[in-house]
N, C-alpha and C. Protein backbone atom coordinates (compact mmCIF):
# COMPACT_ATOMS: atom_id res chain seq x y z
N MET A 1 125.24 235.97 -102.85
CA MET A 1 124.97 235.49 -104.17
C MET A 1 124.07 234.25 -104.07
N ASN A 2 122.97 234.31 -104.78
CA ASN A 2 122.01 233.22 -104.72
C ASN A 2 122.04 232.44 -106.03
N MET A 3 122.59 231.23 -105.98
CA MET A 3 122.64 230.39 -107.17
C MET A 3 121.49 229.40 -107.09
N HIS A 4 120.72 229.35 -108.13
CA HIS A 4 119.57 228.46 -108.17
C HIS A 4 119.81 227.41 -109.25
N HIS A 5 119.87 226.15 -108.84
CA HIS A 5 120.08 225.05 -109.78
C HIS A 5 118.81 224.25 -109.89
N GLU A 6 118.41 224.03 -111.12
CA GLU A 6 117.23 223.20 -111.35
C GLU A 6 117.64 221.95 -112.10
N MET A 7 117.02 220.86 -111.73
CA MET A 7 117.29 219.59 -112.41
C MET A 7 116.42 219.50 -113.65
N SER A 8 116.97 218.92 -114.69
CA SER A 8 116.19 218.70 -115.91
C SER A 8 115.21 217.55 -115.68
N HIS A 9 114.27 217.43 -116.58
CA HIS A 9 113.29 216.35 -116.48
C HIS A 9 114.00 215.00 -116.47
N ASP A 10 115.01 214.82 -117.33
CA ASP A 10 115.75 213.55 -117.38
C ASP A 10 116.48 213.27 -116.08
N GLN A 11 117.07 214.29 -115.48
CA GLN A 11 117.78 214.11 -114.22
C GLN A 11 116.82 213.69 -113.10
N ILE A 12 115.67 214.31 -113.08
CA ILE A 12 114.65 213.97 -112.09
C ILE A 12 114.19 212.53 -112.31
N ALA A 13 113.94 212.16 -113.57
CA ALA A 13 113.49 210.81 -113.89
C ALA A 13 114.55 209.78 -113.51
N ARG A 14 115.82 210.09 -113.77
CA ARG A 14 116.90 209.16 -113.43
C ARG A 14 117.04 209.00 -111.91
N ALA A 15 116.88 210.09 -111.18
CA ALA A 15 116.94 210.02 -109.71
C ALA A 15 115.77 209.19 -109.18
N ARG A 16 114.60 209.38 -109.75
CA ARG A 16 113.41 208.61 -109.36
C ARG A 16 113.61 207.13 -109.68
N LEU A 17 114.21 206.86 -110.84
CA LEU A 17 114.48 205.49 -111.25
C LEU A 17 115.43 204.80 -110.26
N THR A 18 116.44 205.50 -109.84
CA THR A 18 117.39 204.97 -108.86
C THR A 18 116.68 204.64 -107.55
N ALA A 19 115.82 205.55 -107.10
CA ALA A 19 115.08 205.34 -105.86
C ALA A 19 114.13 204.15 -105.98
N LEU A 20 113.45 204.03 -107.12
CA LEU A 20 112.52 202.92 -107.32
C LEU A 20 113.26 201.58 -107.36
N ARG A 21 114.41 201.56 -108.01
CA ARG A 21 115.20 200.31 -108.05
C ARG A 21 115.65 199.90 -106.65
N CYS A 22 116.05 200.87 -105.86
CA CYS A 22 116.47 200.60 -104.48
C CYS A 22 115.29 200.05 -103.67
N GLU A 23 114.13 200.68 -103.82
CA GLU A 23 112.94 200.24 -103.10
C GLU A 23 112.54 198.82 -103.55
N HIS A 24 112.66 198.55 -104.85
CA HIS A 24 112.34 197.23 -105.40
C HIS A 24 113.28 196.17 -104.81
N ARG A 25 114.57 196.50 -104.73
CA ARG A 25 115.56 195.58 -104.16
C ARG A 25 115.27 195.33 -102.68
N ASP A 26 114.91 196.39 -101.96
CA ASP A 26 114.58 196.25 -100.53
C ASP A 26 113.37 195.34 -100.34
N LEU A 27 112.36 195.51 -101.18
CA LEU A 27 111.17 194.66 -101.10
C LEU A 27 111.52 193.22 -101.40
N ASP A 28 112.37 193.01 -102.39
CA ASP A 28 112.80 191.66 -102.74
C ASP A 28 113.47 190.99 -101.55
N GLU A 29 114.33 191.73 -100.87
CA GLU A 29 115.01 191.19 -99.69
C GLU A 29 114.02 190.91 -98.56
N ALA A 30 113.06 191.79 -98.38
CA ALA A 30 112.06 191.60 -97.33
C ALA A 30 111.21 190.37 -97.62
N ILE A 31 110.82 190.20 -98.88
CA ILE A 31 110.02 189.04 -99.26
C ILE A 31 110.81 187.76 -99.03
N SER A 32 112.08 187.77 -99.39
CA SER A 32 112.93 186.58 -99.17
C SER A 32 113.05 186.26 -97.69
N ALA A 33 113.25 187.28 -96.89
CA ALA A 33 113.40 187.07 -95.45
C ALA A 33 112.10 186.54 -94.84
N LEU A 34 110.97 187.12 -95.23
CA LEU A 34 109.68 186.68 -94.70
C LEU A 34 109.32 185.28 -95.17
N SER A 35 109.70 184.95 -96.39
CA SER A 35 109.38 183.63 -96.94
C SER A 35 110.07 182.52 -96.16
N SER A 36 111.22 182.84 -95.60
CA SER A 36 111.97 181.81 -94.86
C SER A 36 111.44 181.61 -93.44
N GLN A 37 110.58 182.52 -92.98
CA GLN A 37 110.01 182.39 -91.64
C GLN A 37 108.74 181.54 -91.70
N GLN A 38 108.53 180.76 -90.67
CA GLN A 38 107.39 179.84 -90.67
C GLN A 38 106.06 180.53 -90.35
N LEU A 39 106.08 181.57 -89.57
CA LEU A 39 104.84 182.20 -89.12
C LEU A 39 104.43 183.40 -89.96
N THR A 40 104.95 183.50 -91.16
CA THR A 40 104.65 184.64 -92.01
C THR A 40 103.25 184.51 -92.61
N SER A 41 102.54 185.59 -92.60
CA SER A 41 101.20 185.63 -93.18
C SER A 41 101.31 185.62 -94.71
N THR A 42 100.53 184.76 -95.34
CA THR A 42 100.54 184.72 -96.80
C THR A 42 99.95 186.01 -97.37
N LEU A 43 99.03 186.62 -96.65
CA LEU A 43 98.45 187.89 -97.09
C LEU A 43 99.53 188.98 -97.13
N THR A 44 100.39 189.00 -96.13
CA THR A 44 101.48 189.98 -96.09
C THR A 44 102.41 189.77 -97.27
N LEU A 45 102.76 188.52 -97.53
CA LEU A 45 103.64 188.22 -98.66
C LEU A 45 102.99 188.62 -99.99
N GLN A 46 101.70 188.36 -100.14
CA GLN A 46 100.99 188.74 -101.35
C GLN A 46 101.00 190.24 -101.55
N ARG A 47 100.79 190.98 -100.49
CA ARG A 47 100.79 192.44 -100.58
C ARG A 47 102.17 192.97 -100.98
N LEU A 48 103.21 192.40 -100.38
CA LEU A 48 104.57 192.82 -100.72
C LEU A 48 104.90 192.50 -102.17
N LYS A 49 104.49 191.33 -102.62
CA LYS A 49 104.75 190.94 -104.01
C LYS A 49 103.99 191.84 -104.99
N LYS A 50 102.77 192.19 -104.62
CA LYS A 50 101.98 193.09 -105.47
C LYS A 50 102.64 194.47 -105.54
N GLN A 51 103.12 194.94 -104.41
CA GLN A 51 103.81 196.23 -104.35
C GLN A 51 105.09 196.17 -105.19
N LYS A 52 105.79 195.05 -105.13
CA LYS A 52 107.02 194.87 -105.90
C LYS A 52 106.72 194.90 -107.40
N LEU A 53 105.63 194.25 -107.81
CA LEU A 53 105.24 194.27 -109.22
C LEU A 53 104.87 195.68 -109.69
N ALA A 54 104.19 196.43 -108.83
CA ALA A 54 103.83 197.81 -109.17
C ALA A 54 105.10 198.64 -109.36
N LEU A 55 106.09 198.44 -108.50
CA LEU A 55 107.37 199.14 -108.64
C LEU A 55 108.05 198.76 -109.95
N LYS A 56 107.99 197.48 -110.28
CA LYS A 56 108.61 197.01 -111.52
C LYS A 56 107.96 197.70 -112.72
N ASP A 57 106.64 197.87 -112.69
CA ASP A 57 105.93 198.57 -113.76
C ASP A 57 106.37 200.04 -113.85
N GLN A 58 106.49 200.68 -112.70
CA GLN A 58 106.93 202.08 -112.68
C GLN A 58 108.35 202.21 -113.24
N ILE A 59 109.21 201.27 -112.87
CA ILE A 59 110.60 201.27 -113.36
C ILE A 59 110.60 201.11 -114.88
N ALA A 60 109.81 200.19 -115.39
CA ALA A 60 109.74 199.95 -116.84
C ALA A 60 109.25 201.20 -117.57
N ARG A 61 108.24 201.87 -117.03
CA ARG A 61 107.73 203.10 -117.67
C ARG A 61 108.80 204.18 -117.69
N LEU A 62 109.51 204.36 -116.59
CA LEU A 62 110.56 205.37 -116.54
C LEU A 62 111.71 205.03 -117.50
N GLU A 63 112.08 203.75 -117.56
CA GLU A 63 113.14 203.34 -118.48
C GLU A 63 112.73 203.61 -119.92
N ASP A 64 111.47 203.32 -120.25
CA ASP A 64 110.96 203.61 -121.60
C ASP A 64 110.99 205.10 -121.90
N GLU A 65 110.65 205.89 -120.91
CA GLU A 65 110.64 207.34 -121.06
C GLU A 65 112.05 207.88 -121.30
N LEU A 66 113.03 207.29 -120.64
CA LEU A 66 114.40 207.76 -120.75
C LEU A 66 115.15 207.20 -121.96
N THR A 67 114.64 206.13 -122.54
CA THR A 67 115.29 205.53 -123.70
C THR A 67 114.77 206.21 -124.97
N PRO A 68 115.68 206.79 -125.74
CA PRO A 68 115.23 207.48 -126.96
C PRO A 68 114.68 206.48 -127.99
N ASP A 69 113.67 206.92 -128.72
CA ASP A 69 113.11 206.09 -129.78
C ASP A 69 114.09 206.06 -130.95
N ILE A 70 114.32 204.88 -131.47
CA ILE A 70 115.21 204.73 -132.62
C ILE A 70 114.33 204.43 -133.83
N ILE A 71 114.41 205.30 -134.81
CA ILE A 71 113.62 205.11 -136.03
C ILE A 71 114.49 204.33 -137.01
N ALA A 72 114.01 203.15 -137.37
CA ALA A 72 114.81 202.29 -138.27
C ALA A 72 114.42 202.52 -139.71
């Protein structure tokens, strides 16, 4: 018996949102750890912060997509 389960668009978006939040948290921890080191390249920190901001934007877009519009 072959059972085929497909995830809905919302389920996929929620799973992606969870993964993005985890990645964002990991980047935040990496930035904090690197900031405390004396020999850290400022270019490396800038790149990580830029990547973190891009993740934040993706998270915001997904949250907006998953939040139903309320007509007042």
